[in-house]
């Protein structure tokens, strides 16, 4: 591949935790030069977790003391050579550092800046502390997840990665606008609002009907059968989602349950939905005797949407993902080889982009300060002694 989509774009990355670094990982894979500004004064806690090897791929890293006037000046000089600035500190922090959008526009008028926070940067609650799992709670998601009659389910840390991918979309759109008009842009992103946007059916139901949707477990609000069904072996399951009469008939014939076709409880979609508990019990009695992967192949061949609930080890051995080259091996700076997911896309039928292992904190200090900013090596060494580059 001769050129990646974002070749020539430089990102000054002040983000930390998960959402921002997820965004800049994808931007780096797309060809942008991502320079992550880190600090030994306040290191990113996620640097010590295994996820760091994933979200910090395809980046460069420098260390800079933003609390020092000289450190602030160096940050501004780097931003002057950049196209995009991204940060996800608590509201007000980046402004107190002297790196707010109004200040950066003086450095480079066409700069694009994306700031994300739990509740955005305005409104009566914008200063509230908000992490991904908490955001699920106060955006309605935890009330929608889980099973009827049970406590709300947080459901894992997924808000941050989803927000990070939305940031990729926003930055690419802002870059397109800048290339056309020469104008920069400030993007204020609320993680909570981004998460709530993923609940369109519940929002519309309340807006139009004043009805609060309840958790459904694995059930669907309109279709049945729909859920995970036990298979042969310990903790083995298959997901089945029937959305039409034709799929229902194919399911019954494939499972040897044609006797259910004339049953008045299951003759149409509404009847099946109203009697889904009884239906689930009948299906489970058959599926638990069968191998999940083999059953999936039979059902898919018959036109029934189905797939095994795969564990991570099964996913890692997936012939489909292996054939697509989804997992790639990287040599880390610690000398260890790690196999990690790559990208879910292919460009011109080739790989998904340019991927390198997570950099050591400050690994690219010499490149950025000496080559990009043109600071003589003795001055860089003096800045290190002063703990400006730190």
Protein backbone atom coordinates (compact mmCIF):
# COMPACT_ATOMS: atom_id res chain seq x y z
CA UNK A 1 0.00 0.00 0.00
CA UNK A 2 1.65 3.25 -1.16
CA UNK A 3 -0.12 5.70 1.10
CA UNK A 4 -2.44 5.43 4.10
CA UNK A 5 -5.50 7.71 4.43
CA UNK A 6 -3.99 9.95 7.12
CA UNK A 7 -0.39 10.08 5.94
CA UNK A 8 0.96 13.57 6.65
CA UNK A 9 -1.44 14.29 9.54
CA UNK A 10 0.15 14.93 12.94
CA UNK A 11 -1.76 14.45 16.20
CA UNK A 12 -0.66 16.01 19.50
CA UNK A 13 -2.17 13.47 21.88
CA UNK A 14 -2.70 14.63 25.46
CA UNK A 15 -5.31 11.94 26.17
CA UNK A 16 -5.10 9.23 28.78
CA UNK A 17 -7.09 6.36 30.32
CA UNK A 18 -8.97 4.47 27.54
CA UNK A 19 -11.28 6.59 25.34
CA UNK A 20 -8.74 9.06 23.96
CA UNK A 21 -5.92 6.52 23.51
CA UNK A 22 -8.35 4.22 21.68
CA UNK A 23 -9.09 7.04 19.25
CA UNK A 24 -5.44 7.88 18.61
CA UNK A 25 -4.57 4.20 18.15
CA UNK A 26 -6.91 4.04 15.17
CA UNK A 27 -5.69 7.38 13.83
CA UNK A 28 -2.12 6.10 14.04
CA UNK A 29 -3.03 2.89 12.24
CA UNK A 30 -4.62 5.02 9.51
CA UNK A 31 -1.27 6.68 8.94
CA UNK A 32 -1.30 9.75 11.20
CA UNK A 33 1.81 10.54 13.21
CA UNK A 34 0.51 10.37 16.76
CA UNK A 35 2.78 11.96 19.37
CA UNK A 36 1.60 11.09 22.83
CA UNK A 37 2.54 13.71 25.44
CA UNK A 38 3.07 11.93 28.76
CA UNK A 39 4.46 12.93 32.11
CA UNK A 40 6.39 11.17 34.84
CA UNK A 41 4.81 13.64 37.29
CA UNK A 42 1.36 12.20 36.67
CA UNK A 43 1.66 8.96 34.71
CA UNK A 44 -1.34 7.40 33.03
CA UNK A 45 -2.53 4.60 35.38
CA UNK A 46 -3.50 2.48 32.39
CA UNK A 47 0.17 2.35 31.37
CA UNK A 48 0.52 -0.37 34.00
CA UNK A 49 -2.34 -2.50 32.67
CA UNK A 50 -2.24 -5.02 29.86
CA UNK A 51 -4.72 -3.01 27.75
CA UNK A 52 -1.95 -0.42 27.31
CA UNK A 53 -0.17 -2.71 24.84
CA UNK A 54 -3.27 -2.49 22.67
CA UNK A 55 -4.47 1.11 22.92
CA UNK A 56 -0.98 2.60 22.65
CA UNK A 57 0.01 0.88 19.41
CA UNK A 58 1.19 2.94 16.45
CA UNK A 59 2.24 6.01 18.45
CA UNK A 60 5.29 7.96 19.46
CA UNK A 61 5.81 9.02 23.08
CA UNK A 62 7.45 12.02 24.69
CA UNK A 63 7.62 13.15 28.30
CA UNK A 64 6.89 16.75 29.16
CA UNK A 65 6.27 18.63 32.40
CA UNK A 66 3.29 20.80 31.50
CA UNK A 67 3.40 22.46 34.93
CA UNK A 68 6.69 24.14 34.00
CA UNK A 69 6.56 27.30 31.83
CA UNK A 70 9.19 25.87 29.50
CA UNK A 71 7.22 22.66 29.22
CA UNK A 72 4.13 24.64 28.25
CA UNK A 73 6.14 26.51 25.62
CA UNK A 74 7.43 23.24 24.14
CA UNK A 75 3.88 21.84 24.03
CA UNK A 76 2.71 24.93 22.17
CA UNK A 77 5.56 24.65 19.68
CA UNK A 78 4.64 21.02 19.00
CA UNK A 79 0.99 21.97 18.56
CA UNK A 80 2.10 24.59 16.04
CA UNK A 81 3.45 21.71 13.93
CA UNK A 82 0.34 19.56 14.42
CA UNK A 83 -3.06 19.29 12.78
CA UNK A 84 -5.09 17.91 15.69
CA UNK A 85 -5.00 18.11 19.47
CA UNK A 86 -6.94 15.59 21.53
CA UNK A 87 -7.43 15.55 25.29
CA UNK A 88 -9.79 13.99 27.79
CA UNK A 89 -8.83 15.56 31.12
CA UNK A 90 -11.50 16.64 33.57
CA UNK A 91 -13.25 19.85 32.42
CA UNK A 92 -11.15 22.92 33.06
CA UNK A 93 -7.80 21.14 33.42
CA UNK A 94 -6.51 21.81 29.90
CA UNK A 95 -7.48 25.50 30.22
CA UNK A 96 -5.67 25.82 33.55
CA UNK A 97 -2.58 24.38 31.91
CA UNK A 98 -2.74 27.16 29.33
CA UNK A 99 -3.60 24.85 26.45
CA UNK A 100 -7.28 25.64 25.93
CA UNK A 101 -8.68 26.03 22.44
CA UNK A 102 -8.60 29.84 22.53
CA UNK A 103 -4.89 29.76 23.39
CA UNK A 104 -4.14 27.13 20.75
CA UNK A 105 -5.89 29.17 18.04
CA UNK A 106 -3.31 31.88 18.68
CA UNK A 107 -0.59 29.30 18.05
CA UNK A 108 -2.24 27.81 14.95
CA UNK A 109 -5.59 29.24 13.73
CA UNK A 110 -6.53 26.11 11.75
CA UNK A 111 -5.93 23.70 14.63
CA UNK A 112 -8.56 21.03 15.33
CA UNK A 113 -9.10 20.27 19.01
CA UNK A 114 -11.23 17.49 20.44
CA UNK A 115 -12.01 17.53 24.14
CA UNK A 116 -14.05 14.70 25.63
CA UNK A 117 -15.40 14.47 29.15
CA UNK A 118 -17.94 12.35 30.96
CA UNK A 119 -20.72 14.94 30.74
CA UNK A 120 -19.22 17.37 28.26
CA UNK A 121 -17.93 20.86 29.03
CA UNK A 122 -21.16 22.72 29.78
CA UNK A 123 -24.39 22.23 31.70
CA UNK A 124 -25.09 22.11 35.46
CA UNK A 125 -23.44 18.70 36.00
CA UNK A 126 -20.39 18.98 33.75
CA UNK A 127 -17.92 18.87 36.64
CA UNK A 128 -19.18 15.54 37.99
CA UNK A 129 -16.66 12.69 37.98
CA UNK A 130 -17.61 10.17 35.33
CA UNK A 131 -15.91 6.96 34.26
CA UNK A 132 -17.11 4.50 31.64
CA UNK A 133 -18.92 2.14 34.00
CA UNK A 134 -20.55 5.03 35.88
CA UNK A 135 -21.68 6.53 32.60
CA UNK A 136 -23.54 3.32 31.85
CA UNK A 137 -25.45 3.82 35.08
CA UNK A 138 -26.60 7.40 34.62
CA UNK A 139 -27.34 7.19 30.91
CA UNK A 140 -29.98 4.47 31.14
CA UNK A 141 -27.83 1.61 29.89
CA UNK A 142 -27.51 -0.35 33.12
CA UNK A 143 -31.29 -0.17 33.59
CA UNK A 144 -31.73 -1.73 30.14
CA UNK A 145 -29.18 -4.51 30.58
CA UNK A 146 -29.59 -7.68 32.60
CA UNK A 147 -32.73 -9.66 33.33
CA UNK A 148 -36.24 -8.70 34.43
CA UNK A 149 -36.57 -8.49 38.21
CA UNK A 150 -32.82 -8.36 38.82
CA UNK A 151 -30.53 -5.51 39.80
CA UNK A 152 -29.15 -3.25 37.02
CA UNK A 153 -26.15 -4.67 35.18
CA UNK A 154 -23.12 -2.48 34.43
CA UNK A 155 -21.97 -4.89 31.75
CA UNK A 156 -18.22 -4.33 31.43
CA UNK A 157 -16.02 -1.46 30.25
CA UNK A 158 -17.25 -0.77 26.73
CA UNK A 159 -18.26 2.89 26.89
CA UNK A 160 -14.68 4.19 26.56
CA UNK A 161 -13.75 2.18 23.43
CA UNK A 162 -17.03 3.09 21.74
CA UNK A 163 -16.49 6.78 22.50
CA UNK A 164 -12.93 6.47 21.18
CA UNK A 165 -14.20 5.14 17.86
CA UNK A 166 -16.73 7.99 17.65
CA UNK A 167 -13.85 10.42 18.17
CA UNK A 168 -12.10 8.91 15.13
CA UNK A 169 -15.16 9.72 13.04
CA UNK A 170 -15.36 13.29 14.37
CA UNK A 171 -11.68 14.03 13.81
CA UNK A 172 -11.75 12.70 10.26
CA UNK A 173 -14.79 14.84 9.54
CA UNK A 174 -13.08 17.92 11.00
CA UNK A 175 -9.94 17.22 8.96
CA UNK A 176 -12.03 16.99 5.79
CA UNK A 177 -13.62 20.34 6.58
CA UNK A 178 -10.24 21.90 7.33
CA UNK A 179 -8.76 20.64 4.05
CA UNK A 180 -11.69 22.17 2.17
CA UNK A 181 -12.00 25.49 4.01
CA UNK A 182 -8.76 25.97 5.94
CA UNK A 183 -10.79 26.37 9.14
CA UNK A 184 -10.04 24.69 12.44
CA UNK A 185 -12.66 23.47 14.86
CA UNK A 186 -13.29 22.77 18.54
CA UNK A 187 -15.18 19.55 19.29
CA UNK A 188 -16.80 19.18 22.72
CA UNK A 189 -17.74 15.51 23.15
CA UNK A 190 -19.89 14.19 25.99
CA UNK A 191 -19.30 10.51 26.74
CA UNK A 192 -22.70 10.32 28.41
CA UNK A 193 -24.53 11.73 25.41
CA UNK A 194 -22.58 9.45 23.07
CA UNK A 195 -23.66 6.48 25.19
CA UNK A 196 -27.29 7.57 25.34
CA UNK A 197 -27.33 7.82 21.54
CA UNK A 198 -26.95 4.03 21.51
CA UNK A 199 -30.42 3.63 23.06
CA UNK A 200 -32.64 4.87 20.20
CA UNK A 201 -35.50 2.40 20.70
CA UNK A 202 -35.80 3.07 24.43
CA UNK A 203 -35.57 6.82 23.88
CA UNK A 204 -38.21 6.79 21.14
CA UNK A 205 -40.51 4.53 23.16
CA UNK A 206 -40.46 6.97 26.05
CA UNK A 207 -40.67 10.05 23.83
CA UNK A 208 -43.67 8.77 21.89
CA UNK A 209 -45.42 6.53 24.44
CA UNK A 210 -44.12 7.68 27.84
CA UNK A 211 -43.23 4.03 28.40
CA UNK A 212 -40.06 2.98 30.23
CA UNK A 213 -38.56 -0.15 28.72
CA UNK A 214 -37.56 -2.91 31.11
CA UNK A 215 -34.55 -5.25 30.83
CA UNK A 216 -35.18 -8.14 28.45
CA UNK A 217 -32.27 -10.46 29.23
CA UNK A 218 -31.53 -12.28 25.98
CA UNK A 219 -35.05 -11.77 24.64
CA UNK A 220 -35.93 -9.40 21.81
CA UNK A 221 -38.76 -6.85 22.00
CA UNK A 222 -40.40 -8.25 18.86
CA UNK A 223 -38.88 -11.61 17.82
CA UNK A 224 -38.81 -15.11 19.23
CA UNK A 225 -37.02 -17.41 19.58
CA UNK A 226 -34.14 -15.11 20.38
CA UNK A 227 -31.43 -15.94 22.92
CA UNK A 228 -28.61 -18.22 23.99
CA UNK A 229 -29.36 -21.93 24.25
CA UNK A 230 -27.25 -24.59 26.00
CA UNK A 231 -25.12 -26.99 23.97
CA UNK A 232 -23.23 -30.18 24.75
CA UNK A 233 -20.34 -29.65 27.14
CA UNK A 234 -19.70 -27.37 30.09
CA UNK A 235 -20.86 -23.77 29.68
CA UNK A 236 -21.32 -24.10 25.90
CA UNK A 237 -24.02 -22.04 24.23
CA UNK A 238 -25.42 -21.11 20.85
CA UNK A 239 -27.17 -17.87 19.96
CA UNK A 240 -30.27 -18.18 17.76
CA UNK A 241 -32.26 -15.23 16.40
CA UNK A 242 -35.37 -16.01 14.33
CA UNK A 243 -36.97 -13.00 12.63
CA UNK A 244 -39.35 -14.56 10.09
CA UNK A 245 -41.74 -17.48 9.60
CA UNK A 246 -39.39 -18.98 7.01
CA UNK A 247 -36.53 -19.02 9.53
CA UNK A 248 -38.83 -20.51 12.17
CA UNK A 249 -39.82 -23.33 9.85
CA UNK A 250 -36.19 -24.00 8.90
CA UNK A 251 -35.24 -24.07 12.60
CA UNK A 252 -37.91 -26.62 13.42
CA UNK A 253 -36.95 -28.90 10.52
CA UNK A 254 -33.23 -28.67 11.33
CA UNK A 255 -33.76 -29.48 15.03
CA UNK A 256 -36.26 -32.24 14.35
CA UNK A 257 -39.06 -30.23 15.91
CA UNK A 258 -41.49 -30.10 12.97
CA UNK A 259 -44.19 -31.17 15.44
CA UNK A 260 -44.14 -27.57 16.75
CA UNK A 261 -45.15 -26.03 13.41
CA UNK A 262 -48.93 -26.55 13.80
CA UNK A 263 -48.82 -25.74 17.56
CA UNK A 264 -51.11 -22.69 18.01
CA UNK A 265 -48.64 -21.20 20.52
CA UNK A 266 -46.02 -20.78 17.80
CA UNK A 267 -47.86 -20.35 14.48
CA UNK A 268 -46.90 -16.70 13.94
CA UNK A 269 -44.38 -14.17 15.22
CA UNK A 270 -46.69 -12.65 17.83
CA UNK A 271 -47.70 -16.07 19.19
CA UNK A 272 -44.08 -17.15 19.46
CA UNK A 273 -43.16 -13.90 21.23
CA UNK A 274 -46.02 -14.28 23.74
CA UNK A 275 -45.02 -17.88 24.49
CA UNK A 276 -41.25 -17.48 24.31
CA UNK A 277 -40.51 -18.96 27.74
CA UNK A 278 -42.19 -22.24 26.81
CA UNK A 279 -40.54 -22.12 23.40
CA UNK A 280 -37.09 -21.53 24.88
CA UNK A 281 -37.51 -24.55 27.14
CA UNK A 282 -38.44 -26.80 24.20
CA UNK A 283 -35.50 -25.62 22.11
CA UNK A 284 -33.03 -25.97 24.98
CA UNK A 285 -34.07 -29.60 25.41
CA UNK A 286 -32.76 -30.29 21.91
CA UNK A 287 -29.76 -27.94 21.64
CA UNK A 288 -28.13 -29.17 24.85
CA UNK A 289 -27.53 -32.53 23.19
CA UNK A 290 -25.56 -31.04 20.29
CA UNK A 291 -22.15 -29.51 19.61
CA UNK A 292 -22.43 -25.73 19.29
CA UNK A 293 -20.17 -25.28 16.24
CA UNK A 294 -21.71 -28.17 14.34
CA UNK A 295 -25.21 -26.93 15.11
CA UNK A 296 -24.29 -23.43 13.97
CA UNK A 297 -23.13 -24.77 10.60
CA UNK A 298 -26.34 -26.75 10.12
CA UNK A 299 -28.56 -23.82 11.07
CA UNK A 300 -26.65 -21.32 8.96
CA UNK A 301 -26.85 -23.69 6.00
CA UNK A 302 -30.63 -23.83 6.50
CA UNK A 303 -30.82 -20.02 6.57
CA UNK A 304 -31.25 -19.60 10.33
CA UNK A 305 -29.14 -16.86 11.99
CA UNK A 306 -27.07 -18.67 14.64
CA UNK A 307 -23.63 -18.56 16.19
CA UNK A 308 -21.86 -20.10 19.17
CA UNK A 309 -21.24 -17.99 22.27
CA UNK A 310 -17.49 -18.30 21.91
CA UNK A 311 -15.04 -18.00 24.77
CA UNK A 312 -11.83 -16.02 24.26
CA UNK A 313 -9.76 -19.17 23.65
CA UNK A 314 -12.24 -20.33 20.99
CA UNK A 315 -12.15 -16.87 19.42
CA UNK A 316 -8.35 -16.99 19.31
CA UNK A 317 -8.50 -20.30 17.40
CA UNK A 318 -11.17 -19.12 14.95
CA UNK A 319 -10.16 -20.25 11.42
CA UNK A 320 -12.11 -17.32 9.97
CA UNK A 321 -10.25 -14.67 11.97
CA UNK A 322 -6.93 -16.44 11.36
CA UNK A 323 -7.48 -16.49 7.62
CA UNK A 324 -8.24 -12.75 7.63
CA UNK A 325 -5.07 -12.03 9.61
CA UNK A 326 -7.01 -10.39 12.43
CA UNK A 327 -4.43 -11.35 15.05
CA UNK A 328 -0.88 -10.09 14.66
CA UNK A 329 2.26 -10.63 16.70
CA UNK A 330 4.26 -7.68 18.02
CA UNK A 331 7.64 -7.50 19.70
CA UNK A 332 7.37 -5.16 22.68
CA UNK A 333 10.13 -2.98 24.09
CA UNK A 334 10.35 -5.42 26.99
CA UNK A 335 11.39 -8.16 24.56
CA UNK A 336 8.14 -10.08 24.88
CA UNK A 337 6.06 -11.10 21.88
CA UNK A 338 2.34 -10.42 22.10
CA UNK A 339 -0.43 -11.47 19.78
CA UNK A 340 -3.13 -8.82 19.61
CA UNK A 341 -6.20 -8.00 17.52
CA UNK A 342 -5.31 -5.83 14.54
CA UNK A 343 -8.04 -3.92 12.64
CA UNK A 344 -11.54 -4.90 11.50
CA UNK A 345 -11.02 -3.41 8.04
CA UNK A 346 -8.85 -4.05 5.00
CA UNK A 347 -7.64 -1.29 2.69
CA UNK A 348 -7.55 -2.24 -1.00
CA UNK A 349 -7.70 -5.87 0.07
CA UNK A 350 -4.47 -5.54 2.02
CA UNK A 351 -3.76 -4.94 5.70
CA UNK A 352 -5.65 -2.47 7.83
CA UNK A 353 -2.83 0.03 8.22
CA UNK A 354 0.51 0.69 9.87
CA UNK A 355 0.88 -0.87 13.30
CA UNK A 356 3.78 -0.76 15.73
CA UNK A 357 4.16 -1.86 19.32
CA UNK A 358 3.48 0.42 22.28
CA UNK A 359 6.37 2.85 22.77
CA UNK A 360 8.29 3.23 26.00
CA UNK A 361 7.35 6.42 27.81
CA UNK A 362 9.60 9.15 26.40
CA UNK A 363 11.04 6.90 23.70
CA UNK A 364 10.79 9.61 21.04
CA UNK A 365 12.05 12.59 23.02
CA UNK A 366 15.12 12.98 20.82
CA UNK A 367 13.08 12.79 17.61
CA UNK A 368 10.49 15.35 18.69
CA UNK A 369 12.64 17.87 20.54
CA UNK A 370 15.78 17.68 18.40
CA UNK A 371 14.47 16.85 14.93
CA UNK A 372 10.94 18.32 14.85
CA UNK A 373 11.49 21.33 17.12
CA UNK A 374 15.14 21.83 16.19
CA UNK A 375 16.47 22.12 19.74
CA UNK A 376 20.23 21.39 19.98
CA UNK A 377 21.06 18.26 21.95
CA UNK A 378 22.88 20.14 24.77
CA UNK A 379 19.76 22.26 25.33
CA UNK A 380 17.58 19.13 25.39
CA UNK A 381 19.89 17.62 27.99
CA UNK A 382 19.62 20.80 30.05
CA UNK A 383 15.81 20.64 29.83
CA UNK A 384 15.99 17.07 31.11
CA UNK A 385 18.10 18.26 34.05
CA UNK A 386 15.54 20.97 34.78
CA UNK A 387 12.78 18.31 34.69
CA UNK A 388 11.05 20.15 31.87
CA UNK A 389 11.35 17.09 29.71
CA UNK A 390 10.20 14.68 32.40
